[in-house]
Amino acid sequence: MKIQEAQRVVLETTATRDKAEALLEALRRARTESDRQMKTLGMTDKLREATGRSFYDNAIDSTRNMIDALTRCVRDTKRDFLERDPSLTAAEQRELDELDAEALGHEAPRHEPHVNSRTAASSVAPTAR
C-alpha cells in the first residue's frame, strides 16, 4: 500500500466515523425527546418493558460499537502499512503520525508493535534452572 492509499483509507474512515458520531448524538437527542413525549402522553415503551432496553438504547450501543471499530481501523491502517513498508522516510512517518493524531483526536494510539511470537521465542536464549 502506498502512502497515498493509506491516507485515503484514513481520511475516508475518519469521515465515516465523524458521521457515526453525529448519528450517535442525534440518537441520544431522539431518545430524550421520545422519553419526554411518551411521559407527557402517559405511554410506556413496550420494548423497554419487555427487554429492559429501548429501540434507542440498542441503536446507541450499536453506533458506539461502530465508532469504536472505525477508530481501530484508522489506528490499524497506520500500523499495518508500516509493517509492510519499513522503508518509509522520516517525512512519510511524520505525515502518518499527523493523520493518526487527526483521526484519533487527543487519544494516543494504543496498539502494540507487531511481534511474531515464533521469531521472538527463537531469539531468546534458554535459561538454566
C-alpha atoms as a PDB file:
ATOM      1  CA  MET A   1       0.000   0.000   0.000  1.00  0.00           C
ATOM      2  CA  LYS A   2       1.342   3.401  -0.964  1.00  0.00           C
ATOM      3  CA  ILE A   3       1.215   6.324   1.417  1.00  0.00           C
ATOM      4  CA  GLN A   4      -1.482   7.968  -0.752  1.00  0.00           C
ATOM      5  CA  GLU A   5      -3.664   4.871  -0.387  1.00  0.00           C
ATOM      6  CA  ALA A   6      -3.119   4.815   3.377  1.00  0.00           C
ATOM      7  CA  GLN A   7      -4.036   8.494   3.555  1.00  0.00           C
ATOM      8  CA  ARG A   8      -7.199   7.881   1.539  1.00  0.00           C
ATOM      9  CA  VAL A   9      -8.235   4.995   3.795  1.00  0.00           C
ATOM     10  CA  VAL A  10      -7.581   7.043   6.919  1.00  0.00           C
ATOM     11  CA  LEU A  11      -9.418  10.113   5.606  1.00  0.00           C
ATOM     12  CA  GLU A  12     -12.453   8.162   4.354  1.00  0.00           C
ATOM     13  CA  THR A  13     -12.668   6.139   7.549  1.00  0.00           C
ATOM     14  CA  THR A  14     -12.328   9.270   9.653  1.00  0.00           C
ATOM     15  CA  ALA A  15     -15.140  10.938   7.678  1.00  0.00           C
ATOM     16  CA  THR A  16     -17.345   7.890   8.181  1.00  0.00           C
ATOM     17  CA  ARG A  17     -16.556   7.886  11.901  1.00  0.00           C
ATOM     18  CA  ASP A  18     -17.441  11.589  12.114  1.00  0.00           C
ATOM     19  CA  LYS A  19     -20.822  10.828  10.527  1.00  0.00           C
ATOM     20  CA  ALA A  20     -21.349   7.992  13.010  1.00  0.00           C
ATOM     21  CA  GLU A  21     -20.569  10.341  15.906  1.00  0.00           C
ATOM     22  CA  ALA A  22     -23.151  12.815  14.581  1.00  0.00           C
ATOM     23  CA  LEU A  23     -25.641   9.952  14.319  1.00  0.00           C
ATOM     24  CA  LEU A  24     -24.878   8.957  17.904  1.00  0.00           C
ATOM     25  CA  GLU A  25     -25.672  12.460  19.140  1.00  0.00           C
ATOM     26  CA  ALA A  26     -28.889  12.538  17.093  1.00  0.00           C
ATOM     27  CA  LEU A  27     -29.941   9.189  18.567  1.00  0.00           C
ATOM     28  CA  ARG A  28     -29.298  10.447  22.095  1.00  0.00           C
ATOM     29  CA  ARG A  29     -31.396  13.568  21.462  1.00  0.00           C
ATOM     30  CA  ALA A  30     -34.158  11.490  19.874  1.00  0.00           C
ATOM     31  CA  ARG A  31     -34.197   9.103  22.850  1.00  0.00           C
ATOM     32  CA  THR A  32     -34.517  12.012  25.265  1.00  0.00           C
ATOM     33  CA  GLU A  33     -37.317  13.582  23.215  1.00  0.00           C
ATOM     34  CA  SER A  34     -39.114  10.254  22.807  1.00  0.00           C
ATOM     35  CA  ASP A  35     -38.962   9.584  26.546  1.00  0.00           C
ATOM     36  CA  ARG A  36     -40.299  13.075  27.236  1.00  0.00           C
ATOM     37  CA  GLN A  37     -43.140  12.717  24.726  1.00  0.00           C
ATOM     38  CA  MET A  38     -44.118   9.259  25.984  1.00  0.00           C
ATOM     39  CA  LYS A  39     -44.189  10.505  29.560  1.00  0.00           C
ATOM     40  CA  THR A  40     -46.309  13.520  28.548  1.00  0.00           C
ATOM     41  CA  LEU A  41     -48.769  11.227  26.746  1.00  0.00           C
ATOM     42  CA  GLY A  42     -48.811   8.703  29.582  1.00  0.00           C
ATOM     43  CA  MET A  43     -47.464   5.954  27.337  1.00  0.00           C
ATOM     44  CA  THR A  44     -44.876   3.315  28.078  1.00  0.00           C
ATOM     45  CA  ASP A  45     -42.174   1.864  25.869  1.00  0.00           C
ATOM     46  CA  LYS A  46     -43.334  -1.708  25.293  1.00  0.00           C
ATOM     47  CA  LEU A  47     -39.914  -2.875  24.085  1.00  0.00           C
ATOM     48  CA  ARG A  48     -38.272  -1.423  27.189  1.00  0.00           C
ATOM     49  CA  GLU A  49     -40.881  -3.109  29.369  1.00  0.00           C
ATOM     50  CA  ALA A  50     -40.265  -6.462  27.672  1.00  0.00           C
ATOM     51  CA  THR A  51     -36.470  -6.380  27.347  1.00  0.00           C
ATOM     52  CA  GLY A  52     -35.279  -3.654  29.695  1.00  0.00           C
ATOM     53  CA  ARG A  53     -33.900  -1.717  26.727  1.00  0.00           C
ATOM     54  CA  SER A  54     -35.494   0.639  24.238  1.00  0.00           C
ATOM     55  CA  PHE A  55     -35.010   0.749  20.497  1.00  0.00           C
ATOM     56  CA  TYR A  56     -32.884   3.846  21.045  1.00  0.00           C
ATOM     57  CA  ASP A  57     -30.702   2.105  23.648  1.00  0.00           C
ATOM     58  CA  ASN A  58     -29.952  -0.660  21.153  1.00  0.00           C
ATOM     59  CA  ALA A  59     -29.257   1.782  18.309  1.00  0.00           C
ATOM     60  CA  ILE A  60     -26.971   3.887  20.528  1.00  0.00           C
ATOM     61  CA  ASP A  61     -24.964   0.829  21.598  1.00  0.00           C
ATOM     62  CA  SER A  62     -24.680  -0.358  18.006  1.00  0.00           C
ATOM     63  CA  THR A  63     -23.485   3.065  16.872  1.00  0.00           C
ATOM     64  CA  ARG A  64     -20.922   3.223  19.690  1.00  0.00           C
ATOM     65  CA  ASN A  65     -19.589  -0.164  18.600  1.00  0.00           C
ATOM     66  CA  MET A  66     -19.339   1.074  15.014  1.00  0.00           C
ATOM     67  CA  ILE A  67     -17.417   4.173  16.123  1.00  0.00           C
ATOM     68  CA  ASP A  68     -15.003   2.005  18.125  1.00  0.00           C
ATOM     69  CA  ALA A  69     -14.459  -0.288  15.113  1.00  0.00           C
ATOM     70  CA  LEU A  70     -13.786   2.681  12.819  1.00  0.00           C
ATOM     71  CA  THR A  71     -11.308   4.142  15.308  1.00  0.00           C
ATOM     72  CA  ARG A  72      -9.485   0.797  15.439  1.00  0.00           C
ATOM     73  CA  CYS A  73      -9.481   0.685  11.631  1.00  0.00           C
ATOM     74  CA  VAL A  74      -7.766   4.063  11.415  1.00  0.00           C
ATOM     75  CA  ARG A  75      -5.203   3.048  14.024  1.00  0.00           C
ATOM     76  CA  ASP A  76      -4.569  -0.355  12.451  1.00  0.00           C
ATOM     77  CA  THR A  77      -4.235   1.024   8.919  1.00  0.00           C
ATOM     78  CA  LYS A  78      -1.239   3.000  10.047  1.00  0.00           C
ATOM     79  CA  ARG A  79       0.259   0.072  11.918  1.00  0.00           C
ATOM     80  CA  ASP A  80      -0.308  -2.406   9.095  1.00  0.00           C
ATOM     81  CA  PHE A  81       1.073  -0.047   6.486  1.00  0.00           C
ATOM     82  CA  LEU A  82       4.236   0.492   8.466  1.00  0.00           C
ATOM     83  CA  GLU A  83       4.725  -3.250   8.990  1.00  0.00           C
ATOM     84  CA  ARG A  84       4.588  -3.876   5.241  1.00  0.00           C
ATOM     85  CA  ASP A  85       6.792  -0.944   4.239  1.00  0.00           C
ATOM     86  CA  PRO A  86       9.560  -0.281   6.761  1.00  0.00           C
ATOM     87  CA  SER A  87      11.394   1.870   4.199  1.00  0.00           C
ATOM     88  CA  LEU A  88       9.297   4.960   4.945  1.00  0.00           C
ATOM     89  CA  THR A  89      11.169   8.221   5.041  1.00  0.00           C
ATOM     90  CA  ALA A  90      11.059  10.356   8.177  1.00  0.00           C
ATOM     91  CA  ALA A  91       8.726  12.785   6.369  1.00  0.00           C
ATOM     92  CA  GLU A  92       6.312   9.978   5.464  1.00  0.00           C
ATOM     93  CA  GLN A  93       6.418   8.716   9.056  1.00  0.00           C
ATOM     94  CA  ARG A  94       5.588  12.209  10.355  1.00  0.00           C
ATOM     95  CA  GLU A  95       2.759  12.506   7.830  1.00  0.00           C
ATOM     96  CA  LEU A  96       1.253   9.219   9.001  1.00  0.00           C
ATOM     97  CA  ASP A  97       1.680  10.287  12.632  1.00  0.00           C
ATOM     98  CA  GLU A  98      -0.223  13.511  11.864  1.00  0.00           C
ATOM     99  CA  LEU A  99      -3.016  11.557  10.163  1.00  0.00           C
ATOM    100  CA  ASP A 100      -3.193   9.237  13.143  1.00  0.00           C
ATOM    101  CA  ALA A 101      -3.373  12.165  15.573  1.00  0.00           C
ATOM    102  CA  GLU A 102      -6.087  13.807  13.469  1.00  0.00           C
ATOM    103  CA  ALA A 103      -8.099  10.607  13.221  1.00  0.00           C
ATOM    104  CA  LEU A 104      -7.788   9.674  16.880  1.00  0.00           C
ATOM    105  CA  GLY A 105      -8.082  13.178  18.283  1.00  0.00           C
ATOM    106  CA  HIS A 106      -6.250  13.553  21.571  1.00  0.00           C
ATOM    107  CA  GLU A 107      -6.286   9.788  22.122  1.00  0.00           C
ATOM    108  CA  ALA A 108      -2.849   8.265  21.727  1.00  0.00           C
ATOM    109  CA  PRO A 109      -2.573   5.111  19.655  1.00  0.00           C
ATOM    110  CA  ARG A 110      -2.948   2.060  21.886  1.00  0.00           C
ATOM    111  CA  HIS A 111      -1.564  -0.600  19.587  1.00  0.00           C
ATOM    112  CA  GLU A 112       1.428  -2.669  20.473  1.00  0.00           C
ATOM    113  CA  PRO A 113       4.190  -3.239  17.939  1.00  0.00           C
ATOM    114  CA  HIS A 114       3.627  -6.414  15.973  1.00  0.00           C
ATOM    115  CA  VAL A 115       5.792  -9.248  17.254  1.00  0.00           C
ATOM    116  CA  ASN A 116       5.974 -12.619  15.570  1.00  0.00           C
ATOM    117  CA  SER A 117       5.861 -14.972  18.564  1.00  0.00           C
ATOM    118  CA  ARG A 118       7.905 -17.691  16.820  1.00  0.00           C
ATOM    119  CA  THR A 119      10.662 -15.260  15.889  1.00  0.00           C
ATOM    120  CA  ALA A 120      10.644 -13.704  19.357  1.00  0.00           C
ATOM    121  CA  ALA A 121      10.747 -17.104  21.059  1.00  0.00           C
ATOM    122  CA  SER A 122      13.631 -18.359  18.906  1.00  0.00           C
ATOM    123  CA  SER A 123      15.721 -15.273  19.631  1.00  0.00           C
ATOM    124  CA  VAL A 124      15.556 -15.771  23.389  1.00  0.00           C
ATOM    125  CA  ALA A 125      18.340 -17.917  24.787  1.00  0.00           C
ATOM    126  CA  PRO A 126      17.176 -20.749  27.059  1.00  0.00           C
ATOM    127  CA  THR A 127      17.948 -20.245  30.712  1.00  0.00           C
ATOM    128  CA  ALA A 128      19.361 -22.897  33.036  1.00  0.00           C
ATOM    129  CA  ARG A 129      17.318 -23.811  36.082  1.00  0.00           C
END
